[in-house]
Each structure stands twice: as structure tokens, then as C-alpha cells.
Amino acid sequence: MKKGEETKNKILSTAKNFFYEKGYKKTSMKEIAETVGIAQGNLTYYFPTKDYLVSEIFNDYFLRIKDYAVKNIPKCRNAYYKHFYVSMIFNINIFGDPTTTSFYYETLKKQSVDFLMHSSVDLVYSDFVEIFNLPITKKQFKYLTAADYGARREVLLRYIEDDAKMPPKDLVVLILTNTSRLLGIRDVDLFRASYEAYRQIDRYSFSHIQLLK
């Protein structure tokens, strides 16, 4: 592993520890740099702002979950089915730890996960358009995914603020039902994918994939 990559990984690992212990707002780029043993200017070479650092942490978390799903979910399932599993793992782990939930809430309020996460999810949704041969133009896709992101963010904020008792699995089905209908995916495909993931997700072991720890 090259030195630059080692430094980047050390920054991410250190930031995760600080975010878990202190939260988003109380963690500074200065203390991350000091703990890593580099100048703050060197830190901003890798991550220009704290939001870029947060986005990278979420993006890495999402990609690790996606990789797990690809390797463990039956290969006959397409990207649409697998996204239900990915989304359930993503949310079950976040909402299974109050400290991580609190950090997630801070980043949602500040919209700190926009940069990379939104583009990663857009790539997944592009697969849906291809799988179901949806009649969506590039311009329409841009606006539909923006609407999906806004709705998803509002639902998640209210879910946390209201201390909703809805299980994370139910939350995911609610969110992805909205996504599917925005894109024009048939209810029969929505029902089959959500029903399978809901019934099968507990068979998998994914507690080793954590956002911050």
C-alpha cells in the first residue's frame, strides 16, 4: 500500500473514532490532523472539508455493504432486489447503535452526506432504469432522483426526531416504496423484492459492517 493511501486510511479511521466519541459538530479537522500526525494543510489535501470526510465515510460504508450483498445474496437476484438488502443492512446497523444514530442525525440535518452518497445511489437507480426498461430521460432522471433524495432525508429526520418505534426494516420498505413509485417501477416488482428482503434479511450476519466502529 502506498504511503498516500496509508495516510488516507489513517485519517478515515481516526475521524471515525472522533465522530463516534464526540459527534459531528464537536469534532474538528485540527484534532483529526494532530492525532494522525500531519499538518492540517495535509489533511485538507485528502479531504478539503469535514463534509467531504463524512461523505467518504458514508460512501465507504455503502460500498462495503454493497460488496457484501453481491457476495452473499443469491446471484440470480438483480440489482433492484439487492438494493433492498443493502438498504436494510445500511439502516439496521445505523439505528441499532444510539451513538451512530445521533451522528447520522447530525449529518442529515447539515446535509453532510450529499456529495458522494447521492452520486453512488444515482448509479444504483440507473441500474433500475435499465433493468425495468423505464421510459425516463436523463433530464427526468435528474429531477426524480433529487425528489427521492429530499423525501428520503425528510422521512429519516422525522423517524429520528419522533423516536419512531417502526423497525428499520419497515422504514426501508416505506422509503423504497416511494423510490419505486417515483421511478415508475411496477407494484408487483416492488412487492416481490420488498417481501423477500423483509423475510430473508435476518438470515444474514452483517454486524461486522459498521459506519463508525
N, C-alpha and C. Protein backbone atom coordinates (compact mmCIF):
# COMPACT_ATOMS: atom_id res chain seq x y z
N MET A 1 0.84 -1.19 0.00
CA MET A 1 0.00 0.00 0.00
C MET A 1 0.88 1.25 0.00
N LYS A 2 0.58 2.19 -0.88
CA LYS A 2 1.36 3.42 -0.98
C LYS A 2 1.15 4.29 0.25
N LYS A 3 2.16 5.14 0.54
CA LYS A 3 2.10 5.98 1.73
C LYS A 3 0.86 6.88 1.72
N GLY A 4 0.53 7.46 0.56
CA GLY A 4 -0.63 8.35 0.48
C GLY A 4 -1.91 7.62 0.83
N GLU A 5 -2.03 6.39 0.39
CA GLU A 5 -3.22 5.60 0.69
C GLU A 5 -3.25 5.23 2.17
N GLU A 6 -2.08 4.93 2.73
CA GLU A 6 -2.00 4.63 4.16
C GLU A 6 -2.44 5.83 4.99
N THR A 7 -1.97 7.01 4.59
CA THR A 7 -2.34 8.23 5.30
C THR A 7 -3.85 8.47 5.22
N LYS A 8 -4.40 8.29 4.03
CA LYS A 8 -5.84 8.49 3.84
C LYS A 8 -6.64 7.54 4.73
N ASN A 9 -6.23 6.28 4.77
CA ASN A 9 -6.92 5.30 5.60
C ASN A 9 -6.81 5.62 7.08
N LYS A 10 -5.64 6.13 7.47
CA LYS A 10 -5.45 6.51 8.87
C LYS A 10 -6.34 7.70 9.23
N ILE A 11 -6.47 8.64 8.31
CA ILE A 11 -7.35 9.80 8.53
C ILE A 11 -8.79 9.31 8.73
N LEU A 12 -9.24 8.42 7.87
CA LEU A 12 -10.61 7.91 7.96
C LEU A 12 -10.84 7.17 9.27
N SER A 13 -9.89 6.33 9.64
CA SER A 13 -10.02 5.57 10.88
C SER A 13 -10.05 6.49 12.10
N THR A 14 -9.18 7.49 12.11
CA THR A 14 -9.14 8.45 13.21
C THR A 14 -10.42 9.27 13.28
N ALA A 15 -10.89 9.71 12.13
CA ALA A 15 -12.12 10.50 12.07
C ALA A 15 -13.31 9.70 12.59
N LYS A 16 -13.39 8.43 12.21
CA LYS A 16 -14.48 7.58 12.68
C LYS A 16 -14.49 7.50 14.21
N ASN A 17 -13.30 7.35 14.80
CA ASN A 17 -13.22 7.28 16.26
C ASN A 17 -13.70 8.57 16.90
N PHE A 18 -13.26 9.71 16.36
CA PHE A 18 -13.68 11.01 16.91
C PHE A 18 -15.18 11.23 16.74
N PHE A 19 -15.68 10.90 15.55
CA PHE A 19 -17.11 11.09 15.31
C PHE A 19 -17.95 10.21 16.23
N TYR A 20 -17.47 9.03 16.51
CA TYR A 20 -18.22 8.14 17.39
C TYR A 20 -18.18 8.64 18.84
N GLU A 21 -17.03 9.16 19.25
CA GLU A 21 -16.87 9.61 20.63
C GLU A 21 -17.47 11.00 20.88
N LYS A 22 -17.38 11.89 19.88
CA LYS A 22 -17.76 13.30 20.11
C LYS A 22 -18.89 13.79 19.22
N GLY A 23 -19.20 13.05 18.17
CA GLY A 23 -20.21 13.51 17.24
C GLY A 23 -19.62 14.37 16.14
N TYR A 24 -20.46 14.77 15.18
CA TYR A 24 -20.00 15.54 14.04
C TYR A 24 -19.57 16.96 14.43
N LYS A 25 -20.45 17.67 15.11
CA LYS A 25 -20.22 19.09 15.39
C LYS A 25 -19.01 19.33 16.26
N LYS A 26 -18.79 18.49 17.25
CA LYS A 26 -17.72 18.71 18.23
C LYS A 26 -16.36 18.18 17.77
N THR A 27 -16.33 17.53 16.65
CA THR A 27 -15.07 17.04 16.10
C THR A 27 -14.50 18.07 15.14
N SER A 28 -13.22 18.39 15.31
CA SER A 28 -12.59 19.39 14.44
C SER A 28 -11.56 18.72 13.52
N MET A 29 -11.34 19.33 12.38
CA MET A 29 -10.32 18.85 11.46
C MET A 29 -8.93 18.96 12.09
N LYS A 30 -8.76 19.99 12.93
CA LYS A 30 -7.47 20.20 13.58
C LYS A 30 -7.09 19.02 14.46
N GLU A 31 -8.03 18.54 15.29
CA GLU A 31 -7.69 17.44 16.18
C GLU A 31 -7.51 16.12 15.42
N ILE A 32 -8.21 15.97 14.31
CA ILE A 32 -8.01 14.78 13.49
C ILE A 32 -6.59 14.79 12.94
N ALA A 33 -6.17 15.94 12.40
CA ALA A 33 -4.82 16.07 11.84
C ALA A 33 -3.75 15.83 12.90
N GLU A 34 -3.93 16.41 14.09
CA GLU A 34 -2.95 16.25 15.16
C GLU A 34 -2.83 14.79 15.59
N THR A 35 -3.95 14.09 15.65
CA THR A 35 -3.92 12.69 16.07
C THR A 35 -3.25 11.81 15.01
N VAL A 36 -3.50 12.13 13.75
CA VAL A 36 -2.87 11.38 12.66
C VAL A 36 -1.38 11.69 12.59
N GLY A 37 -1.00 12.90 13.02
CA GLY A 37 0.40 13.30 12.99
C GLY A 37 0.77 14.01 11.70
N ILE A 38 -0.19 14.76 11.15
CA ILE A 38 0.08 15.52 9.92
C ILE A 38 -0.40 16.95 10.12
N ALA A 39 0.08 17.85 9.26
CA ALA A 39 -0.38 19.23 9.30
C ALA A 39 -1.82 19.30 8.79
N GLN A 40 -2.55 20.29 9.28
CA GLN A 40 -3.94 20.42 8.85
C GLN A 40 -4.04 20.65 7.33
N GLY A 41 -3.02 21.32 6.78
CA GLY A 41 -3.00 21.53 5.33
C GLY A 41 -2.89 20.22 4.57
N ASN A 42 -2.14 19.27 5.13
CA ASN A 42 -2.02 17.95 4.51
C ASN A 42 -3.36 17.20 4.58
N LEU A 43 -4.06 17.39 5.69
CA LEU A 43 -5.37 16.76 5.84
C LEU A 43 -6.34 17.26 4.77
N THR A 44 -6.34 18.57 4.55
CA THR A 44 -7.27 19.13 3.57
C THR A 44 -6.87 18.78 2.13
N TYR A 45 -5.65 18.29 1.94
CA TYR A 45 -5.25 17.78 0.63
C TYR A 45 -6.08 16.54 0.30
N TYR A 46 -6.31 15.72 1.29
CA TYR A 46 -7.10 14.49 1.10
C TYR A 46 -8.60 14.78 1.19
N PHE A 47 -8.97 15.63 2.15
CA PHE A 47 -10.38 15.94 2.38
C PHE A 47 -10.50 17.45 2.61
N PRO A 48 -10.90 18.21 1.60
CA PRO A 48 -10.94 19.67 1.70
C PRO A 48 -11.74 20.21 2.87
N THR A 49 -12.82 19.52 3.23
CA THR A 49 -13.66 19.96 4.35
C THR A 49 -14.10 18.75 5.17
N LYS A 50 -14.66 19.01 6.31
CA LYS A 50 -15.18 17.93 7.16
C LYS A 50 -16.32 17.19 6.46
N ASP A 51 -17.10 17.91 5.67
CA ASP A 51 -18.20 17.27 4.95
C ASP A 51 -17.71 16.26 3.92
N TYR A 52 -16.61 16.58 3.26
CA TYR A 52 -16.04 15.62 2.32
C TYR A 52 -15.58 14.36 3.07
N LEU A 53 -15.03 14.55 4.23
CA LEU A 53 -14.59 13.42 5.05
C LEU A 53 -15.77 12.56 5.47
N VAL A 54 -16.83 13.21 5.91
CA VAL A 54 -18.04 12.48 6.31
C VAL A 54 -18.63 11.73 5.12
N SER A 55 -18.68 12.37 3.97
CA SER A 55 -19.23 11.74 2.77
C SER A 55 -18.43 10.50 2.38
N GLU A 56 -17.12 10.58 2.51
CA GLU A 56 -16.27 9.44 2.20
C GLU A 56 -16.55 8.28 3.16
N ILE A 57 -16.77 8.59 4.42
CA ILE A 57 -17.08 7.55 5.41
C ILE A 57 -18.40 6.85 5.06
N PHE A 58 -19.41 7.64 4.71
CA PHE A 58 -20.70 7.05 4.32
C PHE A 58 -20.58 6.27 3.02
N ASN A 59 -19.83 6.82 2.08
CA ASN A 59 -19.68 6.14 0.79
C ASN A 59 -18.98 4.80 0.96
N ASP A 60 -17.94 4.78 1.79
CA ASP A 60 -17.22 3.54 2.05
C ASP A 60 -18.13 2.51 2.73
N TYR A 61 -18.93 2.98 3.67
CA TYR A 61 -19.90 2.12 4.37
C TYR A 61 -20.88 1.51 3.37
N PHE A 62 -21.42 2.34 2.50
CA PHE A 62 -22.37 1.89 1.48
C PHE A 62 -21.73 0.85 0.56
N LEU A 63 -20.51 1.11 0.11
CA LEU A 63 -19.84 0.21 -0.82
C LEU A 63 -19.48 -1.12 -0.16
N ARG A 64 -19.11 -1.09 1.12
CA ARG A 64 -18.82 -2.35 1.83
C ARG A 64 -20.08 -3.20 1.97
N ILE A 65 -21.19 -2.54 2.23
CA ILE A 65 -22.46 -3.27 2.31
C ILE A 65 -22.83 -3.83 0.94
N LYS A 66 -22.66 -3.02 -0.09
CA LYS A 66 -22.99 -3.46 -1.45
C LYS A 66 -22.12 -4.66 -1.84
N ASP A 67 -20.84 -4.63 -1.49
CA ASP A 67 -19.94 -5.74 -1.78
C ASP A 67 -20.39 -7.00 -1.04
N TYR A 68 -20.81 -6.82 0.21
CA TYR A 68 -21.31 -7.96 0.99
C TYR A 68 -22.55 -8.56 0.32
N ALA A 69 -23.44 -7.71 -0.14
CA ALA A 69 -24.67 -8.18 -0.78
C ALA A 69 -24.36 -8.94 -2.06
N VAL A 70 -23.44 -8.42 -2.85
CA VAL A 70 -23.06 -9.08 -4.11
C VAL A 70 -22.51 -10.48 -3.83
N LYS A 71 -21.73 -10.61 -2.76
CA LYS A 71 -21.09 -11.89 -2.45
C LYS A 71 -22.01 -12.88 -1.74
N ASN A 72 -23.02 -12.38 -1.04
CA ASN A 72 -23.83 -13.25 -0.20
C ASN A 72 -25.27 -13.45 -0.64
N ILE A 73 -25.86 -12.46 -1.29
CA ILE A 73 -27.24 -12.60 -1.76
C ILE A 73 -27.22 -13.48 -3.01
N PRO A 74 -28.20 -14.38 -3.18
CA PRO A 74 -28.22 -15.27 -4.36
C PRO A 74 -27.97 -14.52 -5.66
N LYS A 75 -27.09 -15.08 -6.50
CA LYS A 75 -26.67 -14.41 -7.72
C LYS A 75 -27.80 -14.22 -8.73
N CYS A 76 -28.88 -14.98 -8.57
CA CYS A 76 -29.98 -14.84 -9.50
C CYS A 76 -30.77 -13.55 -9.27
N ARG A 77 -30.51 -12.88 -8.14
CA ARG A 77 -31.24 -11.65 -7.84
C ARG A 77 -30.59 -10.47 -8.54
N ASN A 78 -31.42 -9.60 -9.12
CA ASN A 78 -30.87 -8.45 -9.82
C ASN A 78 -30.58 -7.30 -8.85
N ALA A 79 -30.08 -6.18 -9.40
CA ALA A 79 -29.66 -5.05 -8.58
C ALA A 79 -30.81 -4.46 -7.78
N TYR A 80 -32.02 -4.54 -8.32
CA TYR A 80 -33.18 -3.99 -7.61
C TYR A 80 -33.43 -4.77 -6.33
N TYR A 81 -33.45 -6.10 -6.43
CA TYR A 81 -33.63 -6.94 -5.24
C TYR A 81 -32.52 -6.68 -4.23
N LYS A 82 -31.30 -6.63 -4.72
CA LYS A 82 -30.16 -6.50 -3.82
C LYS A 82 -30.16 -5.15 -3.11
N HIS A 83 -30.73 -4.13 -3.77
CA HIS A 83 -30.75 -2.82 -3.12
C HIS A 83 -31.63 -2.82 -1.88
N PHE A 84 -32.66 -3.63 -1.86
CA PHE A 84 -33.48 -3.75 -0.65
C PHE A 84 -32.64 -4.32 0.49
N TYR A 85 -31.83 -5.33 0.21
CA TYR A 85 -30.95 -5.91 1.22
C TYR A 85 -29.91 -4.88 1.68
N VAL A 86 -29.30 -4.20 0.71
CA VAL A 86 -28.29 -3.19 1.04
C VAL A 86 -28.88 -2.11 1.93
N SER A 87 -30.05 -1.63 1.58
CA SER A 87 -30.69 -0.56 2.35
C SER A 87 -31.07 -1.01 3.75
N MET A 88 -31.50 -2.26 3.87
CA MET A 88 -31.85 -2.77 5.20
C MET A 88 -30.61 -2.90 6.08
N ILE A 89 -29.53 -3.42 5.52
CA ILE A 89 -28.29 -3.52 6.30
C ILE A 89 -27.81 -2.14 6.70
N PHE A 90 -27.81 -1.21 5.74
CA PHE A 90 -27.38 0.18 5.98
C PHE A 90 -28.11 0.76 7.18
N ASN A 91 -29.43 0.63 7.20
CA ASN A 91 -30.23 1.26 8.25
C ASN A 91 -30.30 0.45 9.55
N ILE A 92 -30.35 -0.86 9.46
CA ILE A 92 -30.39 -1.69 10.67
C ILE A 92 -29.16 -1.43 11.53
N ASN A 93 -27.99 -1.37 10.91
CA ASN A 93 -26.77 -1.14 11.68
C ASN A 93 -26.70 0.28 12.24
N ILE A 94 -27.13 1.26 11.46
CA ILE A 94 -27.09 2.65 11.95
C ILE A 94 -28.06 2.84 13.12
N PHE A 95 -29.27 2.33 12.99
CA PHE A 95 -30.27 2.53 14.04
C PHE A 95 -30.18 1.51 15.17
N GLY A 96 -29.23 0.58 15.03
CA GLY A 96 -29.01 -0.38 16.11
C GLY A 96 -28.06 0.13 17.17
N ASP A 97 -27.44 1.29 16.93
CA ASP A 97 -26.48 1.88 17.86
C ASP A 97 -26.88 3.34 18.08
N PRO A 98 -27.33 3.72 19.27
CA PRO A 98 -27.78 5.10 19.52
C PRO A 98 -26.73 6.17 19.21
N THR A 99 -25.46 5.86 19.47
CA THR A 99 -24.40 6.84 19.20
C THR A 99 -24.26 7.07 17.70
N THR A 100 -24.31 6.00 16.92
CA THR A 100 -24.23 6.13 15.47
C THR A 100 -25.47 6.83 14.94
N THR A 101 -26.63 6.53 15.51
CA THR A 101 -27.87 7.20 15.11
C THR A 101 -27.76 8.71 15.32
N SER A 102 -27.20 9.11 16.46
CA SER A 102 -27.04 10.53 16.77
C SER A 102 -26.12 11.21 15.76
N PHE A 103 -25.03 10.55 15.40
CA PHE A 103 -24.11 11.09 14.40
C PHE A 103 -24.81 11.20 13.06
N TYR A 104 -25.56 10.19 12.69
CA TYR A 104 -26.30 10.19 11.42
C TYR A 104 -27.29 11.36 11.38
N TYR A 105 -27.94 11.59 12.49
CA TYR A 105 -28.90 12.68 12.58
C TYR A 105 -28.21 14.04 12.36
N GLU A 106 -27.05 14.20 12.97
CA GLU A 106 -26.30 15.46 12.78
C GLU A 106 -25.97 15.69 11.31
N THR A 107 -25.52 14.63 10.63
CA THR A 107 -25.11 14.78 9.24
C THR A 107 -26.32 14.99 8.32
N LEU A 108 -27.44 14.37 8.65
CA LEU A 108 -28.65 14.58 7.86
C LEU A 108 -29.13 16.02 7.97
N LYS A 109 -29.11 16.56 9.19
CA LYS A 109 -29.56 17.93 9.40
C LYS A 109 -28.69 18.91 8.63
N LYS A 110 -27.39 18.64 8.60
CA LYS A 110 -26.47 19.55 7.92
C LYS A 110 -26.32 19.21 6.43
N GLN A 111 -26.92 18.11 6.04
CA GLN A 111 -26.80 17.62 4.67
C GLN A 111 -25.34 17.35 4.29
N SER A 112 -24.63 16.71 5.21
CA SER A 112 -23.22 16.44 5.00
C SER A 112 -22.95 15.19 4.18
N VAL A 113 -23.99 14.44 3.83
CA VAL A 113 -23.78 13.21 3.08
C VAL A 113 -24.15 13.37 1.61
N ASP A 114 -24.35 14.59 1.17
CA ASP A 114 -24.79 14.83 -0.21
C ASP A 114 -23.74 14.45 -1.26
N PHE A 115 -22.51 14.87 -1.05
CA PHE A 115 -21.51 14.87 -2.08
C PHE A 115 -21.30 13.53 -2.79
N LEU A 116 -20.94 12.52 -2.03
CA LEU A 116 -20.65 11.22 -2.63
C LEU A 116 -21.82 10.26 -2.57
N MET A 117 -22.56 10.26 -1.46
CA MET A 117 -23.64 9.31 -1.30
C MET A 117 -24.70 9.47 -2.38
N HIS A 118 -25.06 10.71 -2.68
CA HIS A 118 -26.11 10.93 -3.66
C HIS A 118 -25.69 10.38 -5.02
N SER A 119 -24.44 10.59 -5.41
CA SER A 119 -23.98 10.10 -6.70
C SER A 119 -23.91 8.58 -6.72
N SER A 120 -23.55 7.95 -5.59
CA SER A 120 -23.49 6.49 -5.52
C SER A 120 -24.88 5.88 -5.68
N VAL A 121 -25.86 6.47 -5.00
CA VAL A 121 -27.24 5.97 -5.11
C VAL A 121 -27.78 6.20 -6.51
N ASP A 122 -27.41 7.31 -7.15
CA ASP A 122 -27.85 7.58 -8.52
C ASP A 122 -27.39 6.47 -9.47
N LEU A 123 -26.18 5.96 -9.25
CA LEU A 123 -25.68 4.87 -10.09
C LEU A 123 -26.53 3.61 -9.92
N VAL A 124 -26.96 3.36 -8.69
CA VAL A 124 -27.83 2.21 -8.43
C VAL A 124 -29.16 2.39 -9.14
N TYR A 125 -29.72 3.60 -9.03
CA TYR A 125 -31.01 3.86 -9.66
C TYR A 125 -30.91 3.77 -11.19
N SER A 126 -29.75 4.09 -11.74
CA SER A 126 -29.55 3.95 -13.18
C SER A 126 -29.71 2.49 -13.60
N ASP A 127 -29.26 1.58 -12.73
CA ASP A 127 -29.43 0.15 -12.99
C ASP A 127 -30.91 -0.22 -13.03
N PHE A 128 -31.69 0.41 -12.15
CA PHE A 128 -33.14 0.13 -12.13
C PHE A 128 -33.77 0.52 -13.46
N VAL A 129 -33.37 1.67 -13.98
CA VAL A 129 -33.92 2.15 -15.26
C VAL A 129 -33.64 1.13 -16.36
N GLU A 130 -32.42 0.58 -16.33
CA GLU A 130 -32.04 -0.39 -17.35
C GLU A 130 -32.76 -1.73 -17.14
N ILE A 131 -32.81 -2.20 -15.91
CA ILE A 131 -33.43 -3.50 -15.60
C ILE A 131 -34.89 -3.54 -16.03
N PHE A 132 -35.62 -2.46 -15.71
CA PHE A 132 -37.05 -2.44 -15.98
C PHE A 132 -37.41 -1.68 -17.27
N ASN A 133 -36.35 -1.25 -17.99
CA ASN A 133 -36.56 -0.52 -19.25
C ASN A 133 -37.54 0.64 -19.04
N LEU A 134 -37.25 1.45 -18.05
CA LEU A 134 -38.14 2.55 -17.68
C LEU A 134 -38.01 3.71 -18.67
N PRO A 135 -39.11 4.30 -19.09
CA PRO A 135 -39.07 5.40 -20.07
C PRO A 135 -38.74 6.73 -19.42
N ILE A 136 -37.51 6.85 -18.92
CA ILE A 136 -37.08 8.05 -18.20
C ILE A 136 -35.90 8.67 -18.93
N THR A 137 -36.03 9.94 -19.28
CA THR A 137 -34.92 10.64 -19.93
C THR A 137 -33.88 11.04 -18.89
N LYS A 138 -32.72 11.44 -19.35
CA LYS A 138 -31.65 11.86 -18.44
C LYS A 138 -32.09 13.06 -17.60
N LYS A 139 -32.79 13.99 -18.23
CA LYS A 139 -33.26 15.17 -17.50
C LYS A 139 -34.30 14.78 -16.45
N GLN A 140 -35.23 13.91 -16.83
CA GLN A 140 -36.24 13.45 -15.88
C GLN A 140 -35.59 12.70 -14.72
N PHE A 141 -34.59 11.89 -15.05
CA PHE A 141 -33.88 11.12 -14.03
C PHE A 141 -33.25 12.04 -12.99
N LYS A 142 -32.67 13.12 -13.46
CA LYS A 142 -32.03 14.09 -12.56
C LYS A 142 -33.03 14.64 -11.55
N TYR A 143 -34.22 15.01 -12.02
CA TYR A 143 -35.21 15.59 -11.12
C TYR A 143 -35.86 14.54 -10.23
N LEU A 144 -36.07 13.35 -10.76
CA LEU A 144 -36.69 12.28 -9.97
C LEU A 144 -35.78 11.85 -8.81
N THR A 145 -34.49 11.74 -9.08
CA THR A 145 -33.58 11.34 -8.01
C THR A 145 -33.41 12.44 -6.96
N ALA A 146 -33.50 13.70 -7.41
CA ALA A 146 -33.46 14.82 -6.46
C ALA A 146 -34.68 14.77 -5.55
N ALA A 147 -35.85 14.49 -6.14
CA ALA A 147 -37.08 14.38 -5.35
C ALA A 147 -36.99 13.21 -4.38
N ASP A 148 -36.41 12.11 -4.85
CA ASP A 148 -36.25 10.93 -3.99
C ASP A 148 -35.34 11.24 -2.82
N TYR A 149 -34.23 11.92 -3.09
CA TYR A 149 -33.29 12.26 -2.02
C TYR A 149 -33.96 13.14 -0.97
N GLY A 150 -34.69 14.16 -1.43
CA GLY A 150 -35.35 15.07 -0.49
C GLY A 150 -36.37 14.35 0.37
N ALA A 151 -37.17 13.50 -0.25
CA ALA A 151 -38.18 12.76 0.50
C ALA A 151 -37.54 11.80 1.50
N ARG A 152 -36.49 11.13 1.06
CA ARG A 152 -35.80 10.16 1.93
C ARG A 152 -35.21 10.86 3.15
N ARG A 153 -34.60 12.02 2.91
CA ARG A 153 -33.99 12.77 4.01
C ARG A 153 -35.05 13.21 5.02
N GLU A 154 -36.18 13.71 4.54
CA GLU A 154 -37.24 14.17 5.44
C GLU A 154 -37.82 13.01 6.25
N VAL A 155 -38.00 11.88 5.62
CA VAL A 155 -38.53 10.71 6.34
C VAL A 155 -37.55 10.27 7.43
N LEU A 156 -36.28 10.24 7.11
CA LEU A 156 -35.27 9.82 8.09
C LEU A 156 -35.19 10.80 9.26
N LEU A 157 -35.23 12.09 8.96
CA LEU A 157 -35.19 13.09 10.04
C LEU A 157 -36.39 12.93 10.97
N ARG A 158 -37.56 12.76 10.41
CA ARG A 158 -38.76 12.61 11.24
C ARG A 158 -38.74 11.30 12.02
N TYR A 159 -38.21 10.29 11.39
CA TYR A 159 -38.09 8.98 12.06
C TYR A 159 -37.26 9.10 13.33
N ILE A 160 -36.15 9.84 13.23
CA ILE A 160 -35.26 10.01 14.39
C ILE A 160 -35.86 10.99 15.39
N GLU A 161 -36.36 12.11 14.91
CA GLU A 161 -36.89 13.15 15.80
C GLU A 161 -38.12 12.67 16.57
N ASP A 162 -38.94 11.86 15.92
CA ASP A 162 -40.15 11.36 16.57
C ASP A 162 -39.90 10.12 17.42
N ASP A 163 -38.64 9.64 17.38
CA ASP A 163 -38.29 8.41 18.09
C ASP A 163 -39.29 7.31 17.71
N ALA A 164 -39.50 7.18 16.41
CA ALA A 164 -40.49 6.22 15.89
C ALA A 164 -40.14 4.80 16.31
N LYS A 165 -41.15 4.03 16.61
CA LYS A 165 -40.95 2.64 17.02
C LYS A 165 -40.95 1.69 15.84
N MET A 166 -41.12 2.25 14.64
CA MET A 166 -41.11 1.43 13.43
C MET A 166 -39.75 0.73 13.27
N PRO A 167 -39.73 -0.58 13.09
CA PRO A 167 -38.45 -1.28 12.88
C PRO A 167 -37.75 -0.74 11.63
N PRO A 168 -36.41 -0.73 11.62
CA PRO A 168 -35.69 -0.24 10.44
C PRO A 168 -36.09 -0.94 9.15
N LYS A 169 -36.44 -2.23 9.23
CA LYS A 169 -36.88 -2.94 8.03
C LYS A 169 -38.13 -2.30 7.43
N ASP A 170 -39.06 -1.93 8.29
CA ASP A 170 -40.28 -1.28 7.83
C ASP A 170 -39.97 0.09 7.24
N LEU A 171 -39.04 0.79 7.86
CA LEU A 171 -38.63 2.10 7.37
C LEU A 171 -38.07 1.99 5.95
N VAL A 172 -37.24 0.99 5.71
CA VAL A 172 -36.65 0.80 4.39
C VAL A 172 -37.72 0.51 3.34
N VAL A 173 -38.68 -0.35 3.68
CA VAL A 173 -39.76 -0.66 2.74
C VAL A 173 -40.55 0.61 2.41
N LEU A 174 -40.79 1.44 3.43
CA LEU A 174 -41.51 2.70 3.21
C LEU A 174 -40.74 3.61 2.25
N ILE A 175 -39.44 3.77 2.50
CA ILE A 175 -38.61 4.65 1.67
C ILE A 175 -38.51 4.13 0.24
N LEU A 176 -38.24 2.83 0.10
CA LEU A 176 -38.05 2.28 -1.24
C LEU A 176 -39.37 2.11 -2.00
N THR A 177 -40.48 2.08 -1.29
CA THR A 177 -41.77 2.12 -1.98
C THR A 177 -41.93 3.46 -2.67
N ASN A 178 -41.55 4.54 -1.95
CA ASN A 178 -41.60 5.88 -2.55
C ASN A 178 -40.66 5.99 -3.74
N THR A 179 -39.44 5.47 -3.59
CA THR A 179 -38.47 5.49 -4.68
C THR A 179 -39.00 4.76 -5.91
N SER A 180 -39.53 3.56 -5.68
CA SER A 180 -40.00 2.73 -6.79
C SER A 180 -41.15 3.39 -7.54
N ARG A 181 -42.05 4.01 -6.81
CA ARG A 181 -43.20 4.65 -7.45
C ARG A 181 -42.80 5.93 -8.18
N LEU A 182 -41.80 6.64 -7.63
CA LEU A 182 -41.30 7.82 -8.34
C LEU A 182 -40.70 7.43 -9.70
N LEU A 183 -39.99 6.30 -9.74
CA LEU A 183 -39.34 5.86 -10.96
C LEU A 183 -40.29 5.12 -11.90
N GLY A 184 -41.45 4.72 -11.37
CA GLY A 184 -42.42 4.03 -12.21
C GLY A 184 -42.24 2.52 -12.26
N ILE A 185 -41.62 1.96 -11.23
CA ILE A 185 -41.46 0.50 -11.15
C ILE A 185 -42.79 -0.12 -10.73
N ARG A 186 -43.15 -1.20 -11.34
CA ARG A 186 -44.44 -1.84 -11.09
C ARG A 186 -44.57 -2.30 -9.63
N ASP A 187 -45.78 -2.17 -9.09
CA ASP A 187 -46.02 -2.59 -7.70
C ASP A 187 -45.73 -4.07 -7.49
N VAL A 188 -45.95 -4.89 -8.51
CA VAL A 188 -45.71 -6.32 -8.35
C VAL A 188 -44.21 -6.58 -8.13
N ASP A 189 -43.35 -5.84 -8.84
CA ASP A 189 -41.90 -5.99 -8.65
C ASP A 189 -41.48 -5.43 -7.30
N LEU A 190 -42.09 -4.32 -6.92
CA LEU A 190 -41.83 -3.73 -5.61
C LEU A 190 -42.20 -4.70 -4.50
N PHE A 191 -43.38 -5.30 -4.59
CA PHE A 191 -43.84 -6.21 -3.56
C PHE A 191 -42.94 -7.44 -3.45
N ARG A 192 -42.57 -8.02 -4.57
CA ARG A 192 -41.75 -9.23 -4.55
C ARG A 192 -40.39 -8.97 -3.90
N ALA A 193 -39.74 -7.86 -4.31
CA ALA A 193 -38.40 -7.55 -3.79
C ALA A 193 -38.45 -7.20 -2.30
N SER A 194 -39.42 -6.36 -1.91
CA SER A 194 -39.51 -5.95 -0.51
C SER A 194 -39.89 -7.13 0.39
N TYR A 195 -40.80 -7.96 -0.09
CA TYR A 195 -41.25 -9.12 0.70
C TYR A 195 -40.10 -10.09 0.93
N GLU A 196 -39.35 -10.36 -0.12
CA GLU A 196 -38.22 -11.30 0.01
C GLU A 196 -37.18 -10.76 0.99
N ALA A 197 -36.77 -9.51 0.78
CA ALA A 197 -35.73 -8.93 1.65
C ALA A 197 -36.20 -8.88 3.10
N TYR A 198 -37.45 -8.50 3.30
CA TYR A 198 -38.00 -8.39 4.66
C TYR A 198 -37.96 -9.74 5.36
N ARG A 199 -38.31 -10.79 4.63
CA ARG A 199 -38.37 -12.13 5.23
C ARG A 199 -37.00 -12.76 5.41
N GLN A 200 -36.06 -12.41 4.53
CA GLN A 200 -34.78 -13.12 4.49
C GLN A 200 -33.62 -12.41 5.19
N ILE A 201 -33.72 -11.10 5.41
CA ILE A 201 -32.57 -10.33 5.88
C ILE A 201 -32.00 -10.85 7.20
N ASP A 202 -32.86 -11.36 8.07
CA ASP A 202 -32.39 -11.84 9.38
C ASP A 202 -31.55 -13.11 9.29
N ARG A 203 -31.50 -13.70 8.11
CA ARG A 203 -30.68 -14.91 7.92
C ARG A 203 -29.21 -14.56 7.75
N TYR A 204 -28.92 -13.31 7.49
CA TYR A 204 -27.55 -12.90 7.18
C TYR A 204 -26.88 -12.28 8.40
N SER A 205 -25.56 -12.39 8.43
CA SER A 205 -24.77 -11.82 9.52
C SER A 205 -23.93 -10.67 8.98
N PHE A 206 -24.25 -9.45 9.40
CA PHE A 206 -23.58 -8.27 8.83
C PHE A 206 -23.18 -7.26 9.91
N SER A 207 -23.16 -7.69 11.16
CA SER A 207 -22.83 -6.76 12.24
C SER A 207 -21.37 -6.27 12.17
N HIS A 208 -20.55 -6.96 11.38
CA HIS A 208 -19.14 -6.55 11.25
C HIS A 208 -18.99 -5.32 10.35
N ILE A 209 -20.06 -4.96 9.65
CA ILE A 209 -20.00 -3.79 8.77
C ILE A 209 -20.63 -2.62 9.50
N GLN A 210 -19.81 -1.77 10.05
CA GLN A 210 -20.29 -0.64 10.83
C GLN A 210 -19.88 0.68 10.19
N LEU A 211 -20.67 1.71 10.42
CA LEU A 211 -20.36 3.03 9.87
C LEU A 211 -19.13 3.65 10.54
N LEU A 212 -19.09 3.61 11.86
CA LEU A 212 -18.02 4.31 12.58
C LEU A 212 -17.09 3.40 13.36
N LYS A 213 -17.59 2.31 13.85
CA LYS A 213 -16.75 1.47 14.73
C LYS A 213 -15.90 0.49 13.93
